[in-house]
């Protein structure tokens, strides 16, 4: 499985109090190619991000399965409870086996 960097904007607080609910917003820049082409043109390979998974120290915090009907540059917002400091790992998994990864730190006081 290949790994790459995805241009994405992750908006979340750098710090939070223990047990505080924090909002995380993620905007990924991805064309979400559906393999549907205009008549008379060559078919293109389907490239859809089908899963977004967020983990901290190996524990899954959030997961969403995306469908081909989602727009290009998918935007996702969710909340989680701040329990411990550490890196949040954001993984987008695309058709064909490419996984894009970004990391963001959260300090819990």
Foldseek 3Di string as FASTA:
>chain_A
DAEDAWDKDWDWDQEDAAQDKIKIKMWTAFQQACQDDDPPDDTDDGKHQQKKWKDWPPHTFDMDGDDSPAHGRDMDMDIGTDHAWGKIWIWTAIPPGYIHIDIGTYHYD
